[in-house]
């Protein structure tokens, strides 16, 4: 069975493309006095032109002239002009293959070039293997191969040979990646990875398929389900630092290849490849689920704050007429009091002249009910959504392994306080709980005369966690 081609026809053409514009022709195909002296030793215009063309092709791109080589007219005319030959003589060159080979042999000695052989192939594969640990893109590997051979002054072989070297280098790199991933694994790790290919209880899909499902909506139900996925990944207990010695591009490529296959196909892999692929899937899957959890929390917080803001606006609009009536009433009472003070009359009589005292007392109660918080902020309404957050936040904070920059250390300390309260079932926030992160807007709600308000303290911490994750001051 023929080897699958790594390069497309377009890529092959681009790797060995000849210069055509004037600047590139001057850069690559200008002759020195020594070159011209050697070229002029040839007899006949066709031989001089052919010899010069061979010299140019060996210099760049670096391959030998073949009988089927097709050259752009611009290249032939540029070279012919420099050597004083007629470009029309070009088809006459090389009618005798022996002449072309004699010229090649002489040019190899003149330019100090070597013919590509088996030792060069082995050396090329070895040098490509390190690059293949970073990328398996054939175009990058082939371009590196050509440049390396040019620097070593080795005549380029056919691109099919370069492709074979690239393929061998990728194969070797894959084996190194597999070994790097599975060497730290113990027997229980491998059993856990194999279990990912089994059907999960009460589900019609394998653990692996279930773990790779994304949450449908930003709500507490899907948040808790996704937390369970992260717990399953964590239960694998893979060795710390597994995969860090592998370039991120190759680790992701291994995981993507595994994700494109069914669990049945993965089960058919040889042990080394199967465990390496499953480990890559687990590493990438844990990172993906963690990112999705952070994004879910972000979206839930945004939705809760938006709902509170909308409710605040709607309530104010609904109460607009009642508020206007109260303002007009108290305007009348105010004018009556001003006039009473000016005339020395009894202020209470002045109020009762506007409306009965019992009605006035009742209006004061109603005004208190209509009044918004002093800050006229919708944050006070976020507390109504506290139960939604409590459905998932204890587990959410428990499964995340968070780190913080100094700027956000107080937020992380507050998260540790909440974790401790969740673990012990405590309801009262400790008096020494960190509060330096609480912004002025939150302080009236968080810091009260009775101490720290549990609901608003936790909501404030979760809000600051969202902001710090966005800014990068806290990371997972």
Protein backbone atom coordinates (compact mmCIF):
# COMPACT_ATOMS: atom_id res chain seq x y z
CA UNK A 1 0.00 0.00 0.00
CA UNK A 2 1.55 3.38 -1.01
CA UNK A 3 2.46 5.84 1.71
CA UNK A 4 -0.07 8.65 2.16
CA UNK A 5 1.28 11.90 0.71
CA UNK A 6 1.96 14.47 3.41
CA UNK A 7 2.23 17.44 1.06
CA UNK A 8 -0.32 18.70 -1.41
CA UNK A 9 0.65 19.61 -4.96
CA UNK A 10 0.39 23.29 -4.07
CA UNK A 11 2.70 22.85 -1.08
CA UNK A 12 5.25 20.97 -3.16
CA UNK A 13 5.28 23.73 -5.75
CA UNK A 14 5.68 26.43 -3.10
CA UNK A 15 8.64 24.67 -1.47
CA UNK A 16 10.72 24.63 -4.66
CA UNK A 17 9.36 27.73 -6.38
CA UNK A 18 11.91 29.56 -8.50
CA UNK A 19 12.41 33.34 -8.29
CA UNK A 20 10.58 35.27 -10.99
CA UNK A 21 10.55 38.95 -10.00
CA UNK A 22 13.59 41.10 -10.69
CA UNK A 23 14.70 41.54 -7.08
CA UNK A 24 14.65 37.79 -6.33
CA UNK A 25 16.44 36.99 -9.59
CA UNK A 26 19.20 39.43 -8.74
CA UNK A 27 19.46 38.06 -5.19
CA UNK A 28 19.71 34.38 -6.12
CA UNK A 29 20.96 34.30 -9.70
CA UNK A 30 23.74 36.88 -9.95
CA UNK A 31 27.16 35.53 -10.99
CA UNK A 32 30.56 36.38 -9.55
CA UNK A 33 33.63 36.89 -11.73
CA UNK A 34 34.76 33.35 -10.82
CA UNK A 35 31.37 31.98 -11.86
CA UNK A 36 31.51 33.74 -15.19
CA UNK A 37 35.06 32.59 -15.84
CA UNK A 38 34.03 28.98 -15.28
CA UNK A 39 30.91 29.35 -17.44
CA UNK A 40 32.87 30.84 -20.37
CA UNK A 41 35.02 27.70 -20.55
CA UNK A 42 32.02 25.86 -22.05
CA UNK A 43 31.85 25.54 -25.80
CA UNK A 44 28.72 26.71 -27.57
CA UNK A 45 25.94 29.03 -26.46
CA UNK A 46 23.66 26.15 -25.37
CA UNK A 47 26.33 24.58 -23.16
CA UNK A 48 27.24 27.90 -21.55
CA UNK A 49 23.58 28.64 -20.84
CA UNK A 50 22.87 25.12 -19.54
CA UNK A 51 25.96 25.11 -17.35
CA UNK A 52 24.94 28.48 -15.89
CA UNK A 53 21.38 27.29 -15.29
CA UNK A 54 22.66 24.21 -13.45
CA UNK A 55 24.87 26.42 -11.30
CA UNK A 56 21.89 28.62 -10.42
CA UNK A 57 19.57 25.71 -9.57
CA UNK A 58 22.22 24.08 -7.38
CA UNK A 59 22.66 27.37 -5.55
CA UNK A 60 18.92 27.94 -5.15
CA UNK A 61 16.61 26.11 -4.52
CA UNK A 62 19.43 23.55 -4.26
CA UNK A 63 18.50 20.67 -6.57
CA UNK A 64 20.09 19.25 -9.70
CA UNK A 65 18.69 19.91 -13.16
CA UNK A 66 16.60 17.02 -14.50
CA UNK A 67 15.54 16.31 -18.06
CA UNK A 68 11.91 17.18 -17.24
CA UNK A 69 12.67 20.42 -15.38
CA UNK A 70 10.53 23.29 -16.62
CA UNK A 71 11.97 26.76 -16.07
CA UNK A 72 10.10 30.08 -16.19
CA UNK A 73 11.09 32.23 -19.16
CA UNK A 74 12.13 35.03 -16.82
CA UNK A 75 14.77 32.77 -15.23
CA UNK A 76 16.20 31.64 -18.59
CA UNK A 77 16.33 35.19 -19.96
CA UNK A 78 17.98 36.56 -16.82
CA UNK A 79 20.73 33.91 -16.90
CA UNK A 80 21.21 34.12 -20.68
CA UNK A 81 21.68 37.88 -20.51
CA UNK A 82 24.45 37.56 -17.92
CA UNK A 83 26.42 34.88 -19.80
CA UNK A 84 25.95 36.47 -23.23
CA UNK A 85 23.95 33.60 -24.73
CA UNK A 86 20.69 33.51 -26.63
CA UNK A 87 17.78 32.26 -24.50
CA UNK A 88 16.50 30.44 -27.58
CA UNK A 89 19.45 28.05 -27.27
CA UNK A 90 18.08 26.62 -24.00
CA UNK A 91 16.07 23.72 -25.54
CA UNK A 92 19.28 22.46 -27.19
CA UNK A 93 20.98 21.90 -23.83
CA UNK A 94 20.95 18.48 -22.29
CA UNK A 95 20.08 16.54 -25.42
CA UNK A 96 23.02 14.44 -24.30
CA UNK A 97 22.43 13.31 -20.70
CA UNK A 98 26.16 12.63 -20.38
CA UNK A 99 26.92 16.33 -20.93
CA UNK A 100 24.47 17.35 -18.21
CA UNK A 101 25.96 14.82 -15.78
CA UNK A 102 29.52 15.94 -16.55
CA UNK A 103 28.53 19.53 -15.85
CA UNK A 104 26.85 18.48 -12.59
CA UNK A 105 29.96 16.61 -11.45
CA UNK A 106 32.17 19.64 -12.19
CA UNK A 107 29.77 22.02 -10.43
CA UNK A 108 29.62 19.80 -7.34
CA UNK A 109 33.38 20.05 -7.01
CA UNK A 110 33.37 23.79 -7.70
CA UNK A 111 30.59 24.53 -5.16
CA UNK A 112 31.62 21.95 -2.54
CA UNK A 113 28.32 20.08 -2.69
CA UNK A 114 27.49 16.56 -1.51
CA UNK A 115 25.00 14.10 -2.93
CA UNK A 116 22.16 13.18 -0.57
CA UNK A 117 22.56 9.59 0.66
CA UNK A 118 21.39 7.21 3.38
CA UNK A 119 23.59 8.73 6.12
CA UNK A 120 22.13 12.15 5.31
CA UNK A 121 18.60 10.68 5.43
CA UNK A 122 19.21 9.25 8.90
CA UNK A 123 20.74 12.47 10.14
CA UNK A 124 17.83 14.47 8.70
CA UNK A 125 15.25 12.24 10.41
CA UNK A 126 17.10 12.62 13.71
CA UNK A 127 17.19 16.42 13.43
CA UNK A 128 13.53 16.58 12.40
CA UNK A 129 12.42 14.47 15.35
CA UNK A 130 13.00 17.33 17.80
CA UNK A 131 10.97 19.70 15.63
CA UNK A 132 8.27 17.06 15.24
CA UNK A 133 7.90 17.07 19.03
CA UNK A 134 6.54 20.60 18.60
CA UNK A 135 4.51 20.25 15.39
CA UNK A 136 3.54 17.55 12.96
CA UNK A 137 2.67 19.95 10.13
CA UNK A 138 4.36 18.52 7.05
CA UNK A 139 4.89 21.92 5.42
CA UNK A 140 6.88 23.22 8.39
CA UNK A 141 8.94 20.04 8.65
CA UNK A 142 9.66 19.94 4.90
CA UNK A 143 10.67 23.61 4.77
CA UNK A 144 13.00 23.05 7.73
CA UNK A 145 14.48 20.00 5.95
CA UNK A 146 15.25 21.94 2.77
CA UNK A 147 16.84 24.82 4.65
CA UNK A 148 18.93 22.43 6.75
CA UNK A 149 20.22 20.60 3.68
CA UNK A 150 21.05 23.88 1.95
CA UNK A 151 23.10 25.00 4.94
CA UNK A 152 24.98 21.69 4.88
CA UNK A 153 25.59 22.17 1.14
CA UNK A 154 23.83 18.94 0.24
CA UNK A 155 22.02 18.65 -3.09
CA UNK A 156 18.30 18.33 -2.42
CA UNK A 157 16.74 14.92 -3.10
CA UNK A 158 13.27 14.45 -4.56
CA UNK A 159 10.44 15.79 -2.39
CA UNK A 160 9.14 12.25 -1.94
CA UNK A 161 12.34 11.52 -0.01
CA UNK A 162 11.80 14.62 2.11
CA UNK A 163 8.24 13.48 2.79
CA UNK A 164 9.48 10.05 3.92
CA UNK A 165 11.93 11.71 6.29
CA UNK A 166 9.18 13.93 7.70
CA UNK A 167 6.84 10.97 8.13
CA UNK A 168 9.53 8.96 9.92
CA UNK A 169 10.30 11.93 12.20
CA UNK A 170 6.61 12.35 13.08
CA UNK A 171 6.35 8.62 13.84
CA UNK A 172 9.36 8.79 16.14
CA UNK A 173 8.03 11.92 17.84
CA UNK A 174 4.65 10.26 18.37
CA UNK A 175 6.33 7.31 20.06
CA UNK A 176 8.31 9.65 22.31
CA UNK A 177 5.11 11.51 23.19
CA UNK A 178 3.31 8.26 23.99
CA UNK A 179 6.17 7.09 26.20
CA UNK A 180 6.35 10.45 27.97
CA UNK A 181 2.65 10.25 28.75
CA UNK A 182 2.47 6.63 29.90
CA UNK A 183 5.79 6.14 31.72
CA UNK A 184 4.54 7.94 34.90
CA UNK A 185 1.27 5.96 34.86
CA UNK A 186 0.83 3.14 37.33
CA UNK A 187 -1.49 0.16 37.02
CA UNK A 188 -4.44 1.85 38.77
CA UNK A 189 -4.10 4.87 36.45
CA UNK A 190 -4.37 2.61 33.41
CA UNK A 191 -7.40 0.83 34.86
CA UNK A 192 -9.11 4.18 35.42
CA UNK A 193 -8.32 5.30 31.87
CA UNK A 194 -9.65 2.04 30.44
CA UNK A 195 -12.83 2.51 32.46
CA UNK A 196 -13.51 5.73 30.50
CA UNK A 197 -14.35 3.50 27.53
CA UNK A 198 -17.06 1.65 29.48
CA UNK A 199 -20.73 2.62 29.50
CA UNK A 200 -21.58 4.76 32.52
CA UNK A 201 -24.29 3.47 34.91
CA UNK A 202 -27.80 4.82 34.23
CA UNK A 203 -26.57 6.32 30.96
CA UNK A 204 -26.52 5.04 27.40
CA UNK A 205 -23.08 6.49 26.64
CA UNK A 206 -19.55 5.76 27.78
CA UNK A 207 -17.89 7.81 30.48
CA UNK A 208 -15.65 9.40 27.86
CA UNK A 209 -18.58 10.59 25.74
CA UNK A 210 -20.41 11.91 28.82
CA UNK A 211 -17.32 13.74 30.07
CA UNK A 212 -16.94 15.53 26.75
CA UNK A 213 -20.50 16.91 26.72
CA UNK A 214 -20.82 20.67 27.13
CA UNK A 215 -23.40 22.35 29.39
CA UNK A 216 -26.55 23.49 27.61
CA UNK A 217 -27.57 26.49 29.72
CA UNK A 218 -26.01 28.73 32.38
CA UNK A 219 -28.04 27.55 35.35
CA UNK A 220 -27.41 25.75 38.63
CA UNK A 221 -28.58 22.37 37.30
CA UNK A 222 -26.07 22.21 34.45
CA UNK A 223 -23.45 23.78 36.69
CA UNK A 224 -23.76 20.93 39.19
CA UNK A 225 -23.71 18.35 36.38
CA UNK A 226 -20.53 19.87 35.00
CA UNK A 227 -18.97 19.92 38.47
CA UNK A 228 -19.57 16.16 38.55
CA UNK A 229 -17.63 15.85 35.30
CA UNK A 230 -14.69 17.68 36.81
CA UNK A 231 -14.85 15.42 39.87
CA UNK A 232 -14.66 12.35 37.61
CA UNK A 233 -11.58 13.77 35.89
CA UNK A 234 -10.03 14.53 39.27
CA UNK A 235 -10.81 11.02 40.48
CA UNK A 236 -8.43 9.69 37.82
CA UNK A 237 -5.67 11.12 40.04
CA UNK A 238 -3.20 11.32 37.16
CA UNK A 239 0.39 12.10 38.23
CA UNK A 240 1.07 15.79 38.83
CA UNK A 241 2.68 17.52 35.88
CA UNK A 242 1.70 14.80 33.41
CA UNK A 243 2.00 16.21 29.90
CA UNK A 244 3.97 19.32 30.86
CA UNK A 245 7.09 17.99 29.11
CA UNK A 246 5.14 17.74 25.85
CA UNK A 247 4.67 20.75 23.61
CA UNK A 248 1.13 22.09 23.93
CA UNK A 249 0.52 21.80 20.18
CA UNK A 250 1.28 18.08 20.14
CA UNK A 251 -0.67 17.38 23.32
CA UNK A 252 -3.72 19.12 21.87
CA UNK A 253 -3.27 17.29 18.56
CA UNK A 254 -3.18 13.93 20.34
CA UNK A 255 -6.32 14.83 22.28
CA UNK A 256 -8.13 16.06 19.16
CA UNK A 257 -7.30 12.90 17.26
CA UNK A 258 -8.68 10.85 20.14
CA UNK A 259 -11.81 13.00 20.31
CA UNK A 260 -12.54 12.28 16.66
CA UNK A 261 -12.64 8.56 17.29
CA UNK A 262 -15.33 6.44 18.88
CA UNK A 263 -14.61 4.65 22.18
CA UNK A 264 -14.73 1.37 20.24
CA UNK A 265 -11.96 2.59 17.91
CA UNK A 266 -9.86 3.78 20.85
CA UNK A 267 -10.21 0.39 22.51
CA UNK A 268 -8.60 -1.22 19.45
CA UNK A 269 -5.39 0.84 19.75
CA UNK A 270 -2.23 -0.82 20.96
CA UNK A 271 -1.72 -0.26 24.70
CA UNK A 272 0.91 2.46 24.35
CA UNK A 273 -1.12 4.59 21.97
CA UNK A 274 -4.42 3.93 23.77
CA UNK A 275 -3.22 4.98 27.22
CA UNK A 276 -1.36 7.99 25.82
CA UNK A 277 -4.42 9.14 23.87
CA UNK A 278 -6.73 8.65 26.86
CA UNK A 279 -4.29 10.53 29.11
CA UNK A 280 -4.15 13.42 26.62
CA UNK A 281 -7.96 13.42 26.45
CA UNK A 282 -8.14 13.50 30.25
CA UNK A 283 -5.64 16.36 30.54
CA UNK A 284 -7.33 18.41 27.86
CA UNK A 285 -10.81 17.43 29.07
CA UNK A 286 -10.10 18.56 32.62
CA UNK A 287 -8.83 21.90 31.35
CA UNK A 288 -11.86 22.31 29.08
CA UNK A 289 -14.38 21.45 31.80
CA UNK A 290 -12.64 23.83 34.21
CA UNK A 291 -12.79 26.63 31.64
CA UNK A 292 -16.45 25.90 30.98
CA UNK A 293 -17.22 25.93 34.72
CA UNK A 294 -15.57 29.32 35.11
CA UNK A 295 -17.48 30.58 32.07
CA UNK A 296 -20.75 29.16 33.42
CA UNK A 297 -20.23 30.89 36.76
CA UNK A 298 -19.44 34.12 34.92
CA UNK A 299 -22.64 33.89 32.87
CA UNK A 300 -24.79 32.97 35.88
CA UNK A 301 -23.47 35.96 37.85
CA UNK A 302 -24.06 38.28 34.90
CA UNK A 303 -27.59 36.95 34.50
CA UNK A 304 -28.39 37.41 38.21
CA UNK A 305 -27.07 40.96 38.27
CA UNK A 306 -28.94 41.80 35.07
CA UNK A 307 -32.17 40.37 36.52
CA UNK A 308 -31.70 42.45 39.67
CA UNK A 309 -31.04 45.59 37.63
CA UNK A 310 -34.12 45.01 35.46
CA UNK A 311 -36.30 44.36 38.51
CA UNK A 312 -34.98 47.53 40.13
CA UNK A 313 -35.94 49.55 37.07
CA UNK A 314 -39.34 47.88 36.71
CA UNK A 315 -40.19 48.40 40.40
CA UNK A 316 -39.27 52.06 40.17
CA UNK A 317 -41.41 52.49 37.06
CA UNK A 318 -44.38 50.74 38.70
CA UNK A 319 -44.10 52.96 41.78
CA UNK A 320 -43.70 56.13 39.75
CA UNK A 321 -47.29 57.40 40.22
CA UNK A 322 -47.33 56.60 43.94
CA UNK A 323 -43.96 58.32 44.43
CA UNK A 324 -45.19 61.36 42.49
CA UNK A 325 -48.34 61.54 44.67
CA UNK A 326 -46.23 61.38 47.84
CA UNK A 327 -43.89 64.10 46.58
CA UNK A 328 -46.85 66.38 45.78
CA UNK A 329 -48.43 65.67 49.20
CA UNK A 330 -45.21 66.40 51.10
CA UNK A 331 -44.74 69.53 49.02
CA UNK A 332 -48.09 70.81 50.31
CA UNK A 333 -47.22 69.86 53.89
CA UNK A 334 -43.85 71.55 53.53
CA UNK A 335 -45.40 74.82 52.31
CA UNK A 336 -47.94 74.68 55.20
CA UNK A 337 -45.10 74.23 57.72
CA UNK A 338 -43.10 77.08 56.20
CA UNK A 339 -46.13 79.40 56.39
CA UNK A 340 -46.88 78.25 59.99
CA UNK A 341 -43.36 79.07 61.10
CA UNK A 342 -43.52 82.48 59.44
CA UNK A 343 -46.87 83.33 61.13
CA UNK A 344 -46.10 81.66 64.45
CA UNK A 345 -48.96 79.14 64.15
CA UNK A 346 -48.95 75.60 65.53
CA UNK A 347 -47.12 73.32 63.00
CA UNK A 348 -49.24 70.29 63.89
CA UNK A 349 -52.39 72.27 63.13
CA UNK A 350 -50.83 73.30 59.84
CA UNK A 351 -50.32 69.62 58.92
CA UNK A 352 -53.87 68.68 59.93
CA UNK A 353 -55.14 71.54 57.77
CA UNK A 354 -53.72 69.65 54.78
CA UNK A 355 -54.87 66.14 55.81
CA UNK A 356 -55.99 64.35 58.99
CA UNK A 357 -53.17 63.28 61.31
CA UNK A 358 -53.97 59.58 60.98
CA UNK A 359 -53.74 59.88 57.19
CA UNK A 360 -50.44 61.71 57.58
CA UNK A 361 -49.07 58.94 59.81
CA UNK A 362 -50.23 56.36 57.29
CA UNK A 363 -48.54 58.29 54.44
CA UNK A 364 -45.24 58.23 56.33
CA UNK A 365 -45.45 54.42 56.53
CA UNK A 366 -46.25 54.21 52.82
CA UNK A 367 -43.35 56.51 51.97
CA UNK A 368 -41.00 54.23 53.85
CA UNK A 369 -42.21 51.30 51.77
CA UNK A 370 -41.72 53.23 48.53
CA UNK A 371 -38.26 54.46 49.43
CA UNK A 372 -35.28 52.78 47.73
CA UNK A 373 -31.96 52.16 49.51
CA UNK A 374 -29.94 55.32 50.07
CA UNK A 375 -27.48 54.33 47.33
CA UNK A 376 -30.40 53.76 44.92
CA UNK A 377 -28.55 50.62 43.77
CA UNK A 378 -29.88 47.33 42.45
CA UNK A 379 -27.31 45.31 44.42
CA UNK A 380 -29.76 44.94 47.28
CA UNK A 381 -32.02 42.90 44.99
CA UNK A 382 -29.24 40.44 44.11
CA UNK A 383 -29.69 38.94 47.54
CA UNK A 384 -33.04 37.56 46.38
CA UNK A 385 -31.09 35.21 44.07
CA UNK A 386 -28.89 33.85 46.86
CA UNK A 387 -30.64 30.47 46.86
CA UNK A 388 -29.74 29.99 43.18
CA UNK A 389 -26.06 30.48 43.95
CA UNK A 390 -26.15 28.21 47.00
CA UNK A 391 -27.28 25.30 44.83
CA UNK A 392 -23.83 25.01 43.29
CA UNK A 393 -21.30 27.39 44.85
CA UNK A 394 -20.19 25.14 47.77
CA UNK A 395 -19.16 22.38 45.33
CA UNK A 396 -17.88 24.92 42.79
CA UNK A 397 -15.48 26.46 45.30
CA UNK A 398 -14.50 23.04 46.59
CA UNK A 399 -13.43 21.51 43.24
CA UNK A 400 -11.45 24.49 41.96
CA UNK A 401 -7.78 24.70 42.88
CA UNK A 402 -7.24 28.43 42.83
CA UNK A 403 -4.08 30.53 42.91
CA UNK A 404 -3.96 34.29 43.34
CA UNK A 405 -1.66 37.20 42.63
CA UNK A 406 -0.97 39.51 45.60
CA UNK A 407 -3.64 41.94 44.33
CA UNK A 408 -6.35 39.30 44.78
CA UNK A 409 -5.02 37.41 47.79
CA UNK A 410 -7.76 38.85 50.04
CA UNK A 411 -10.42 37.40 47.70
CA UNK A 412 -8.75 33.98 47.85
CA UNK A 413 -8.58 34.22 51.67
CA UNK A 414 -12.31 35.03 51.70
CA UNK A 415 -12.96 31.97 49.51
CA UNK A 416 -11.08 29.84 52.07
CA UNK A 417 -13.36 31.28 54.78
CA UNK A 418 -16.43 30.28 52.76
CA UNK A 419 -15.01 26.81 52.17
CA UNK A 420 -14.53 26.39 55.90
CA UNK A 421 -18.07 27.59 56.62
CA UNK A 422 -19.49 25.19 54.02
CA UNK A 423 -17.52 22.30 55.50
CA UNK A 424 -18.69 22.95 59.08
CA UNK A 425 -22.19 24.20 58.26
CA UNK A 426 -21.53 27.53 59.97
CA UNK A 427 -23.97 30.32 59.20
CA UNK A 428 -22.25 33.32 60.76
CA UNK A 429 -19.31 34.89 58.97
CA UNK A 430 -16.32 35.15 61.35
CA UNK A 431 -15.63 38.66 62.56
CA UNK A 432 -12.02 38.38 61.37
CA UNK A 433 -13.01 37.38 57.83
CA UNK A 434 -11.13 39.45 55.20
CA UNK A 435 -13.03 42.49 53.94
CA UNK A 436 -10.35 44.61 52.25
CA UNK A 437 -11.67 43.50 48.84
CA UNK A 438 -15.20 44.77 49.58
CA UNK A 439 -15.76 47.86 47.45
CA UNK A 440 -17.61 50.95 48.68
CA UNK A 441 -20.70 49.99 46.70
CA UNK A 442 -20.98 46.70 48.59
CA UNK A 443 -20.08 47.91 52.10
CA UNK A 444 -23.57 49.05 53.23
CA UNK A 445 -24.87 45.57 52.37
CA UNK A 446 -21.94 43.46 53.55
CA UNK A 447 -20.83 45.30 56.69
CA UNK A 448 -23.80 45.88 59.01
CA UNK A 449 -24.24 46.83 62.67
CA UNK A 450 -24.85 43.16 63.49
CA UNK A 451 -21.65 42.06 61.74
CA UNK A 452 -20.94 40.69 58.28
CA UNK A 453 -24.10 39.76 56.37
CA UNK A 454 -23.71 36.14 55.24
CA UNK A 455 -25.73 36.46 52.03
CA UNK A 456 -24.12 39.62 50.71
CA UNK A 457 -20.63 38.65 51.91
CA UNK A 458 -20.80 35.44 49.88
CA UNK A 459 -22.33 37.14 46.83
CA UNK A 460 -19.66 39.84 47.00
CA UNK A 461 -16.90 37.21 47.19
CA UNK A 462 -18.35 35.34 44.20
CA UNK A 463 -18.64 38.57 42.23
CA UNK A 464 -15.04 39.49 42.97
CA UNK A 465 -13.95 35.95 42.07
CA UNK A 466 -15.61 36.41 38.68
CA UNK A 467 -13.81 39.72 38.15
CA UNK A 468 -10.45 38.35 39.30
CA UNK A 469 -10.72 35.31 37.02
CA UNK A 470 -11.40 37.65 34.12
CA UNK A 471 -8.44 39.89 34.93
CA UNK A 472 -6.09 36.98 35.60
CA UNK A 473 -5.40 37.96 39.21
CA UNK A 474 -6.87 34.59 40.16
CA UNK A 475 -6.34 31.48 38.08
CA UNK A 476 -7.11 27.77 38.25
